[in-house]
N, C-alpha and C. Protein backbone atom coordinates (compact mmCIF):
# COMPACT_ATOMS: atom_id res chain seq x y z
N MET A 1 19.41 15.07 -1.62
CA MET A 1 17.77 15.45 -0.91
C MET A 1 16.81 14.79 -1.92
N LYS A 2 17.26 14.77 -3.16
CA LYS A 2 15.96 14.62 -4.08
C LYS A 2 15.78 12.87 -4.08
N LEU A 3 16.47 12.16 -3.49
CA LEU A 3 16.47 10.45 -3.27
C LEU A 3 15.66 10.34 -2.00
N ARG A 4 16.08 11.08 -1.22
CA ARG A 4 15.20 11.00 0.40
C ARG A 4 13.95 11.32 0.33
N PHE A 5 13.58 12.26 -0.55
CA PHE A 5 11.96 12.63 -0.93
C PHE A 5 11.36 11.53 -1.48
N LYS A 6 12.33 10.80 -2.53
CA LYS A 6 11.51 9.82 -3.45
C LYS A 6 11.17 9.02 -2.40
N LYS A 7 12.00 8.28 -1.34
CA LYS A 7 12.19 7.34 -0.79
C LYS A 7 10.92 7.39 0.19
N PHE A 8 10.33 8.41 0.77
CA PHE A 8 8.95 8.80 1.61
C PHE A 8 7.83 9.03 0.46
N LEU A 9 7.85 9.15 -0.68
CA LEU A 9 6.72 9.20 -1.15
C LEU A 9 5.75 8.35 -1.13
N LEU A 10 6.48 6.95 -1.38
CA LEU A 10 5.02 6.05 -1.66
C LEU A 10 4.70 5.84 -0.29
N PRO A 11 5.28 5.33 0.91
CA PRO A 11 4.96 5.77 1.87
C PRO A 11 3.73 6.41 2.25
N LEU A 12 4.12 7.64 2.12
CA LEU A 12 2.96 9.01 2.08
C LEU A 12 2.00 8.84 1.31
N CYS A 13 2.06 8.38 -0.04
CA CYS A 13 1.08 8.14 -0.66
C CYS A 13 0.14 7.14 -0.15
N ILE A 14 0.76 5.94 0.55
CA ILE A 14 0.23 4.80 0.95
C ILE A 14 -0.86 5.26 2.14
N TYR A 15 -0.09 6.06 3.14
CA TYR A 15 -0.77 6.27 4.77
C TYR A 15 -1.83 7.32 4.07
N LEU A 16 -1.85 8.15 3.03
CA LEU A 16 -3.20 8.72 2.68
C LEU A 16 -4.21 8.27 2.28
N VAL A 17 -4.09 7.12 1.62
CA VAL A 17 -4.97 6.24 1.11
C VAL A 17 -5.78 5.50 2.28
N LEU A 18 -4.78 5.06 2.92
CA LEU A 18 -5.29 4.04 4.32
C LEU A 18 -6.03 4.91 5.33
N SER A 19 -5.59 6.23 5.59
CA SER A 19 -6.40 7.43 6.31
C SER A 19 -7.72 7.26 5.71
N THR A 20 -7.70 7.60 4.44
CA THR A 20 -9.06 8.27 4.05
C THR A 20 -9.91 6.59 4.12
N THR A 21 -9.55 5.54 3.93
CA THR A 21 -10.20 4.52 4.06
C THR A 21 -10.81 4.35 5.52
N ALA A 22 -9.68 4.53 6.33
CA ALA A 22 -10.09 4.30 7.65
C ALA A 22 -11.43 5.18 8.08
N PHE A 23 -11.38 6.18 7.59
CA PHE A 23 -12.74 7.21 8.06
C PHE A 23 -13.95 7.02 7.59
N SER A 24 -13.83 6.47 6.15
CA SER A 24 -14.96 6.18 5.59
C SER A 24 -15.60 4.75 5.78
N GLN A 25 -16.11 4.54 7.25
CA GLN A 25 -16.37 3.48 7.57
C GLN A 25 -17.99 2.83 7.13
N ASP A 26 -18.45 3.44 6.25
CA ASP A 26 -19.67 3.01 5.61
C ASP A 26 -20.02 1.61 4.52
N SER A 27 -18.56 0.99 4.56
CA SER A 27 -18.64 -0.43 3.53
C SER A 27 -18.05 -1.29 4.41
N ASP A 28 -18.29 -2.48 4.08
CA ASP A 28 -17.84 -3.71 5.16
C ASP A 28 -16.52 -4.16 4.64
N THR A 29 -15.57 -3.85 3.56
CA THR A 29 -14.49 -4.13 3.11
C THR A 29 -13.89 -2.42 2.48
N GLY A 30 -12.60 -2.36 2.28
CA GLY A 30 -11.93 -1.30 2.13
C GLY A 30 -11.03 -1.67 0.85
N LEU A 31 -10.05 -0.93 0.11
CA LEU A 31 -9.72 -0.92 -0.94
C LEU A 31 -8.33 0.31 -0.97
N VAL A 32 -7.12 -0.70 -0.71
CA VAL A 32 -5.94 -0.21 -0.90
C VAL A 32 -5.39 -0.29 -2.49
N SER A 33 -5.28 0.67 -2.58
CA SER A 33 -4.37 1.30 -4.18
C SER A 33 -3.22 2.26 -4.13
N GLY A 34 -2.37 1.81 -5.18
CA GLY A 34 -1.79 3.20 -5.33
C GLY A 34 -0.31 2.41 -6.52
N THR A 35 0.88 2.81 -6.54
CA THR A 35 1.69 2.59 -7.54
C THR A 35 2.96 2.47 -6.76
N VAL A 36 3.78 1.29 -6.85
CA VAL A 36 5.09 1.56 -6.52
C VAL A 36 6.12 2.12 -7.74
N ILE A 37 6.79 2.85 -7.16
CA ILE A 37 7.76 3.49 -8.32
C ILE A 37 9.44 3.58 -7.89
N ASN A 38 10.27 3.48 -9.04
CA ASN A 38 11.59 3.49 -8.45
C ASN A 38 11.85 4.99 -8.43
N SER A 39 13.09 4.93 -8.32
CA SER A 39 14.09 6.57 -7.87
C SER A 39 14.00 7.29 -8.81
N ASP A 40 13.34 7.15 -10.28
CA ASP A 40 13.54 7.70 -11.37
C ASP A 40 11.92 8.23 -11.57
N GLY A 41 10.75 7.84 -10.74
CA GLY A 41 9.49 8.25 -10.73
C GLY A 41 8.76 7.11 -11.49
N GLN A 42 9.58 6.03 -12.19
CA GLN A 42 8.56 4.89 -13.14
C GLN A 42 8.23 3.76 -12.32
N GLY A 43 7.08 3.57 -12.73
CA GLY A 43 6.33 2.31 -12.18
C GLY A 43 6.80 1.09 -12.42
N ILE A 44 7.17 0.26 -11.14
CA ILE A 44 7.68 -1.03 -11.19
C ILE A 44 6.79 -2.25 -11.45
N PRO A 45 7.18 -2.94 -12.58
CA PRO A 45 5.81 -4.10 -12.72
C PRO A 45 6.41 -5.48 -11.95
N ASN A 46 5.37 -5.90 -11.80
CA ASN A 46 5.21 -7.36 -10.79
C ASN A 46 6.06 -7.23 -9.42
N ALA A 47 6.03 -5.97 -9.06
CA ALA A 47 6.38 -5.81 -7.50
C ALA A 47 5.70 -6.21 -6.47
N THR A 48 6.17 -6.97 -5.32
CA THR A 48 5.16 -7.66 -4.58
C THR A 48 4.52 -6.68 -3.27
N VAL A 49 3.49 -6.55 -3.25
CA VAL A 49 2.64 -5.60 -2.14
C VAL A 49 2.21 -6.31 -0.93
N ALA A 50 2.46 -6.26 0.25
CA ALA A 50 1.68 -7.58 1.15
C ALA A 50 1.35 -6.32 2.32
N ILE A 51 -0.02 -6.89 2.82
CA ILE A 51 -0.22 -6.25 3.79
C ILE A 51 -0.85 -7.25 5.11
N MET A 52 0.07 -7.05 6.07
CA MET A 52 0.16 -7.58 7.08
C MET A 52 -0.43 -6.86 8.55
N PRO A 53 -0.28 -7.67 9.75
CA PRO A 53 -1.36 -6.73 10.59
C PRO A 53 -0.51 -5.91 11.30
N GLU A 54 -0.84 -5.17 12.37
CA GLU A 54 0.05 -3.82 12.66
C GLU A 54 1.25 -4.31 13.91
N ASP A 55 0.81 -5.76 14.20
CA ASP A 55 1.79 -6.29 15.48
C ASP A 55 3.02 -7.07 14.53
N PRO A 56 4.29 -6.28 14.79
CA PRO A 56 5.47 -6.53 14.30
C PRO A 56 6.02 -7.98 14.56
N GLU A 57 5.53 -8.59 15.57
CA GLU A 57 6.13 -10.22 15.99
C GLU A 57 5.27 -11.15 15.08
N SER A 58 4.03 -10.37 14.19
CA SER A 58 3.34 -11.38 13.59
C SER A 58 3.74 -11.50 12.25
N GLU A 59 3.59 -12.72 11.67
CA GLU A 59 4.18 -13.03 10.43
C GLU A 59 2.88 -13.51 9.14
N GLU A 60 1.67 -13.16 9.85
CA GLU A 60 0.61 -13.94 9.26
C GLU A 60 0.33 -12.17 7.91
N LEU A 61 -0.11 -13.00 7.08
CA LEU A 61 -0.21 -12.18 5.55
C LEU A 61 -1.72 -11.95 5.56
N ILE A 62 -2.02 -10.68 5.85
CA ILE A 62 -3.84 -10.37 5.01
C ILE A 62 -4.12 -10.57 4.06
N ALA A 63 -3.40 -10.05 3.02
CA ALA A 63 -3.56 -9.88 1.52
C ALA A 63 -2.45 -9.46 0.76
N GLY A 64 -2.37 -9.76 -0.55
CA GLY A 64 -1.04 -9.42 -1.30
C GLY A 64 -1.26 -9.37 -2.60
N THR A 65 -0.48 -8.93 -3.22
CA THR A 65 -0.93 -8.98 -4.91
C THR A 65 0.58 -8.34 -5.69
N ALA A 66 0.69 -8.64 -6.60
CA ALA A 66 1.99 -7.77 -7.41
C ALA A 66 1.44 -7.03 -8.37
N THR A 67 1.93 -5.86 -8.67
CA THR A 67 1.80 -4.59 -9.28
C THR A 67 1.50 -5.12 -10.67
N ASN A 68 0.86 -4.41 -11.54
CA ASN A 68 0.68 -4.41 -13.04
C ASN A 68 1.90 -4.03 -13.69
N LEU A 69 2.02 -4.03 -15.24
CA LEU A 69 2.98 -3.38 -15.89
C LEU A 69 3.25 -1.99 -16.05
N ASP A 70 2.60 -1.07 -15.07
CA ASP A 70 2.65 0.20 -14.58
C ASP A 70 3.02 0.29 -13.31
N GLY A 71 3.50 -0.46 -12.49
CA GLY A 71 3.49 -0.60 -11.26
C GLY A 71 2.38 -0.34 -10.11
N GLU A 72 1.22 -0.47 -10.73
CA GLU A 72 -0.39 0.08 -10.06
C GLU A 72 -0.75 -1.49 -9.57
N PHE A 73 -1.39 -1.16 -8.26
CA PHE A 73 -2.23 -2.18 -7.64
C PHE A 73 -3.47 -1.75 -6.75
N GLU A 74 -4.37 -2.80 -6.50
CA GLU A 74 -5.26 -2.52 -5.71
C GLU A 74 -5.69 -3.88 -5.23
N ILE A 75 -6.02 -3.76 -3.52
CA ILE A 75 -6.17 -4.74 -2.80
C ILE A 75 -7.43 -4.58 -1.98
N ASP A 76 -8.52 -5.30 -2.24
CA ASP A 76 -9.62 -5.18 -1.28
C ASP A 76 -9.31 -6.14 0.11
N ILE A 77 -9.80 -5.42 1.09
CA ILE A 77 -9.52 -5.90 2.51
C ILE A 77 -10.39 -5.40 3.48
N ASP A 78 -10.71 -5.99 4.51
CA ASP A 78 -11.39 -5.86 5.44
C ASP A 78 -10.81 -5.00 6.62
N PRO A 79 -11.78 -3.95 7.21
CA PRO A 79 -11.13 -2.90 7.65
C PRO A 79 -10.66 -2.98 9.10
N GLY A 80 -9.57 -2.21 9.55
CA GLY A 80 -9.03 -3.03 10.73
C GLY A 80 -7.26 -1.86 10.53
N THR A 81 -6.40 -2.64 11.43
CA THR A 81 -5.20 -1.65 11.59
C THR A 81 -4.37 -2.45 10.95
N ILE A 82 -3.45 -2.06 9.96
CA ILE A 82 -2.50 -2.69 9.15
C ILE A 82 -1.39 -2.18 8.91
N LYS A 83 -0.18 -2.88 8.37
CA LYS A 83 0.80 -2.43 8.09
C LYS A 83 1.25 -2.90 6.66
N MET A 84 2.08 -1.99 5.98
CA MET A 84 2.22 -2.12 4.29
C MET A 84 3.99 -2.37 4.60
């Protein structure tokens, strides 16, 4: 049960960040930030984070980055519907 919870923790955190960004439409760009963690809750350094269009058929990359030594990342993006 513990592992299942941790597998959904990162997507939940990202969803919360994206939903707050979606409701604050007063700027021209948005910021997606978060931490990529392993099953022990430790940050994963140099993990790749990619932002793509919502269309599952698209292979276009909107933005991407790698995490820092603590597993943290920040990406500036234009408003719109995306998937991570």
